[in-house]
Each structure stands twice: as C-alpha cells, then as structure tokens.
Protein backbone atom coordinates (compact mmCIF):
# COMPACT_ATOMS: atom_id res chain seq x y z
CA MET A 1 -32.37 6.60 0.47
CA ILE A 2 -30.58 9.50 2.15
CA LEU A 3 -30.67 7.95 5.64
CA LYS A 4 -32.31 10.88 7.37
CA TRP A 5 -35.63 11.12 9.13
CA SER A 6 -37.47 13.97 10.78
CA LYS A 7 -39.02 13.61 14.21
CA ASN A 8 -42.51 13.77 12.67
CA GLU A 9 -41.69 10.91 10.27
CA ILE A 10 -40.45 8.79 13.16
CA LEU A 11 -43.49 9.60 15.36
CA ASN A 12 -46.03 8.95 12.58
CA LEU A 13 -44.80 5.44 11.80
CA LYS A 14 -47.16 2.61 12.60
CA LYS A 15 -44.38 0.30 13.79
CA ASP A 16 -41.89 0.75 16.62
CA VAL A 17 -38.77 0.03 14.55
CA ILE A 18 -37.54 1.34 11.21
CA SER A 19 -35.35 -1.23 9.47
CA PHE A 20 -33.16 -0.46 6.48
CA ASP A 21 -30.52 -2.10 4.28
CA GLU A 22 -28.81 0.38 1.96
CA GLU A 23 -25.85 0.53 -0.42
CA LEU A 24 -23.91 3.79 -0.12
CA THR A 25 -21.56 5.65 -2.43
CA PHE A 26 -19.44 8.57 -1.35
CA PRO A 27 -18.35 11.39 -3.67
CA LYS A 28 -14.66 11.57 -4.64
CA THR A 29 -14.38 15.01 -3.02
CA VAL A 30 -14.64 13.37 0.41
CA PHE A 31 -11.28 11.65 -0.15
CA GLU A 32 -9.32 14.55 -1.68
CA LYS A 33 -7.82 15.80 1.59
CA ASN A 34 -7.53 12.37 3.19
CA HIS A 35 -4.18 10.65 2.61
CA HIS A 36 -5.06 7.48 4.54
CA LEU A 37 -8.25 6.60 2.68
CA ARG A 38 -8.44 6.78 -1.11
CA ASP A 39 -11.92 5.40 -1.75
CA LEU A 40 -14.78 3.31 -0.39
CA LYS A 41 -16.44 0.57 -2.43
CA ASN A 42 -19.40 -1.75 -1.79
CA VAL A 43 -20.43 0.07 1.40
CA ASN A 44 -23.54 -1.51 2.90
CA VAL A 45 -25.40 -0.24 5.94
CA LYS A 46 -27.98 -2.33 7.75
CA GLY A 47 -29.74 -0.95 10.72
CA LYS A 48 -32.72 -0.38 12.95
CA ILE A 49 -34.01 2.85 14.42
CA ARG A 50 -36.15 3.00 17.53
CA TYR A 51 -37.74 6.02 19.18
CA GLU A 52 -38.03 6.06 22.96
CA SER A 53 -40.68 8.56 23.96
CA ILE A 54 -39.78 8.55 27.67
CA SER A 55 -36.24 9.79 27.07
CA ASP A 56 -37.00 11.50 23.73
CA LEU A 57 -34.03 9.64 22.21
CA VAL A 58 -33.60 7.80 18.93
CA THR A 59 -31.42 4.68 19.07
CA CYS A 60 -29.74 3.57 15.85
CA ASP A 61 -28.14 0.12 15.66
CA LEU A 62 -25.89 -0.04 12.61
CA VAL A 63 -23.80 -2.69 10.85
CA ILE A 64 -21.48 -1.10 8.29
CA SER A 65 -19.41 -3.15 5.84
CA GLY A 66 -17.50 -2.58 2.64
CA ASP A 67 -14.06 -2.23 1.11
CA MET A 68 -11.59 0.55 1.83
CA ILE A 69 -9.05 1.48 -0.83
CA LEU A 70 -5.87 2.36 1.07
CA PRO A 71 -2.28 3.13 0.05
CA CYS A 72 0.31 0.39 0.62
CA ALA A 73 2.82 1.59 3.24
CA ILE A 74 5.71 0.31 1.11
CA THR A 75 4.78 0.75 -2.55
CA ASN A 76 1.97 3.35 -2.28
CA GLU A 77 -0.18 1.14 -4.55
CA ASP A 78 -3.91 0.71 -3.90
CA VAL A 79 -4.82 -2.04 -1.43
CA VAL A 80 -8.38 -3.30 -0.99
CA TYR A 81 -9.07 -3.67 2.73
CA PRO A 82 -12.43 -5.21 3.70
CA PHE A 83 -14.08 -3.97 6.89
CA GLU A 84 -17.17 -4.56 9.00
CA THR A 85 -18.14 -2.70 12.12
CA GLU A 86 -21.13 -2.40 14.42
CA THR A 87 -22.16 0.68 16.33
CA THR A 88 -25.08 2.01 18.35
CA GLU A 89 -25.71 5.73 18.08
CA LEU A 90 -28.08 7.87 20.13
CA PHE A 91 -29.79 11.04 18.90
CA ALA A 92 -31.58 13.56 21.09
CA PHE A 93 -34.17 16.05 19.88
CA ARG A 94 -33.23 18.38 22.72
CA LYS A 95 -29.90 19.76 23.92
CA VAL A 96 -28.00 17.23 26.03
CA ASP A 97 -25.02 18.73 27.86
CA ASP A 98 -24.07 15.91 30.20
CA HIS A 99 -23.90 13.12 27.59
CA GLU A 100 -21.05 13.25 25.07
CA ASP A 101 -22.14 10.00 23.39
CA VAL A 102 -25.46 11.49 22.29
CA HIS A 103 -25.72 13.33 18.97
CA GLU A 104 -27.99 16.32 18.80
CA ALA A 105 -30.57 16.05 16.01
CA LYS A 106 -30.14 19.22 14.00
CA GLY A 107 -33.48 20.82 13.18
CA ASP A 108 -35.32 17.76 14.54
CA VAL A 109 -33.71 15.60 11.84
CA VAL A 110 -31.77 12.40 12.48
CA GLU A 111 -29.10 12.18 9.76
CA LEU A 112 -26.97 9.05 9.69
CA LEU A 113 -24.62 9.64 6.74
CA PRO A 114 -22.08 11.84 8.62
CA ILE A 115 -22.10 9.38 11.54
CA ILE A 116 -21.57 6.44 9.18
CA PHE A 117 -18.60 8.17 7.52
CA GLN A 118 -17.10 9.07 10.90
CA THR A 119 -17.47 5.44 12.05
CA ILE A 120 -15.74 4.20 8.88
CA MET A 121 -12.89 6.69 9.42
CA MET A 122 -12.32 5.25 12.90
CA GLU A 123 -11.83 1.82 11.29
CA VAL A 124 -9.04 2.94 8.91
CA PRO A 125 -5.84 1.10 9.93
CA LEU A 126 -2.63 3.06 10.48
CA LYS A 127 -0.88 1.17 7.70
CA VAL A 128 -1.44 -1.73 5.32
CA VAL A 129 1.00 -3.67 3.19
CA LYS A 130 0.05 -5.21 -0.13
CA GLU A 131 -0.37 -8.96 0.23
CA GLY A 132 2.20 -11.13 -1.58
CA LEU A 133 4.77 -8.33 -1.89
CA LYS A 134 7.95 -10.12 -3.00
CA GLU A 135 10.13 -7.28 -4.19
CA TYR A 136 10.54 -4.01 -2.36
CA PRO A 137 10.98 -0.84 -4.40
CA LYS A 138 14.45 0.59 -5.02
CA GLY A 139 16.07 3.23 -7.14
CA GLU A 140 19.39 4.91 -7.75
CA GLY A 141 21.04 5.29 -4.36
CA TRP A 142 18.07 4.08 -2.29
CA GLU A 143 16.06 0.97 -1.49
CA VAL A 144 13.30 -0.10 0.86
CA ILE A 145 14.34 -3.04 3.04
CA LYS A 146 12.73 -5.19 5.70
CA GLU A 147 13.24 -4.24 9.34
CA SER A 148 15.07 -7.52 10.02
CA ASP A 149 17.51 -6.85 7.14
CA TYR A 150 18.12 -3.36 8.47
CA GLN A 151 18.86 -4.64 11.97
CA SER A 152 21.31 -7.28 10.72
CA ARG A 153 23.15 -4.71 8.54
CA LYS A 154 23.25 -2.26 11.41
CA LYS A 155 24.69 -4.89 13.75
CA ASP A 156 27.57 -5.61 11.34
CA GLU A 157 28.41 -1.93 10.79
CA VAL A 158 31.08 -0.18 12.81
CA ASP A 159 30.21 3.23 14.16
CA PRO A 160 32.19 5.68 11.96
CA ARG A 161 33.18 7.67 15.06
CA LEU A 162 34.94 4.59 16.43
CA ALA A 163 36.39 3.24 13.15
CA LYS A 164 39.84 4.79 13.80
CA LEU A 165 40.13 2.78 17.02
CA LYS A 166 40.54 -0.40 14.95
CA GLU A 167 43.91 0.92 13.75
CA PHE A 168 45.04 1.62 17.30
CA LYS A 169 47.47 -1.00 18.62
CA ILE A 170 48.69 -1.27 22.16
CA ASP A 171 52.38 -2.08 22.62
CA GLU A 172 52.96 -4.19 25.67
CA ASP A 173 56.65 -3.31 26.10
C-alpha cells in the first residue's frame, strides 16, 4: 500500500474510518545526504483516517515504530536505535492560511508517506553511543577519552602561560 487516498476514495467508503497496518521500506537514496540517519528497518505504521464533512478535514491518527540505524558518536559504528511515536495529522482539501498544523492535500490526495518520514526525522536523537563500549578509539598522537578523564587531566595541568611562575622565588631579605 502506498498510503495515499483521493478525496473521492475517502467519500465513497461505506465506513467512517479507514484502518491500516503497514510495513514500510525506504529507498537508500533517502539517506544519502543525511549524516544523522543511516537507515530505517522494520518500520510499521498503524493508523486510522477519518473524514469530517463539516470542516472538510481528514484526521490521521498514526503510530509509527521501527529501528533507526544511527552512527555511534564515539566510534562511528552502526547503532540500532528502536523508536515508537504517535502523531495526529490533519489534511485539508482547501487552502488553509490560518492553521499551520494542517497539511494541504495536493490535488485532492492525502499522502502520508512524506509526513511519516518527517515524523521519524523529528525522533532522531542528537547522538547515540554504542552500548557496552569498553574501549575508546585511539591512534598515533590522538585518543578519545571520557569527559570525566578529560576534566581530571585538565585540573592537574598547569597553564603553560603561568608555568614560569613556578620557578620564581621570593627572597624575604
């Protein structure tokens, strides 16, 4: 299922609510320019769509779940990050200027896939760290260290601008 319905399809239904439960896959090209999200796996969308004739709005209640593949902030290795989010989206078949939370149905078609992807993108965390990371990466002349180790090293260091003052002795004659 492509998760899009025309206004005629919605109006010609015998029941008031359209229910769906779909597995989604996204093409790899979607992730090429995104450095925070490498892939999406096991994405499931459950939802209900209702048409309200008085307001000429379509209400979509969605529950989106799956696994994000994200880069580890320390090692840059893939990390599987499960997510689940709920959202309610409104679509209007006419132009709505005063309501920024309402999506305009383009060509009288309610299309959920771009909204679903946008909702998932809002759930991407700023950073993740691989669970059970025991050894931080290091190389010739560099190493990644914990913040607490950095602070303790920094506390013990003498500012190089003030290092000469250690040699200065005051004669009390």
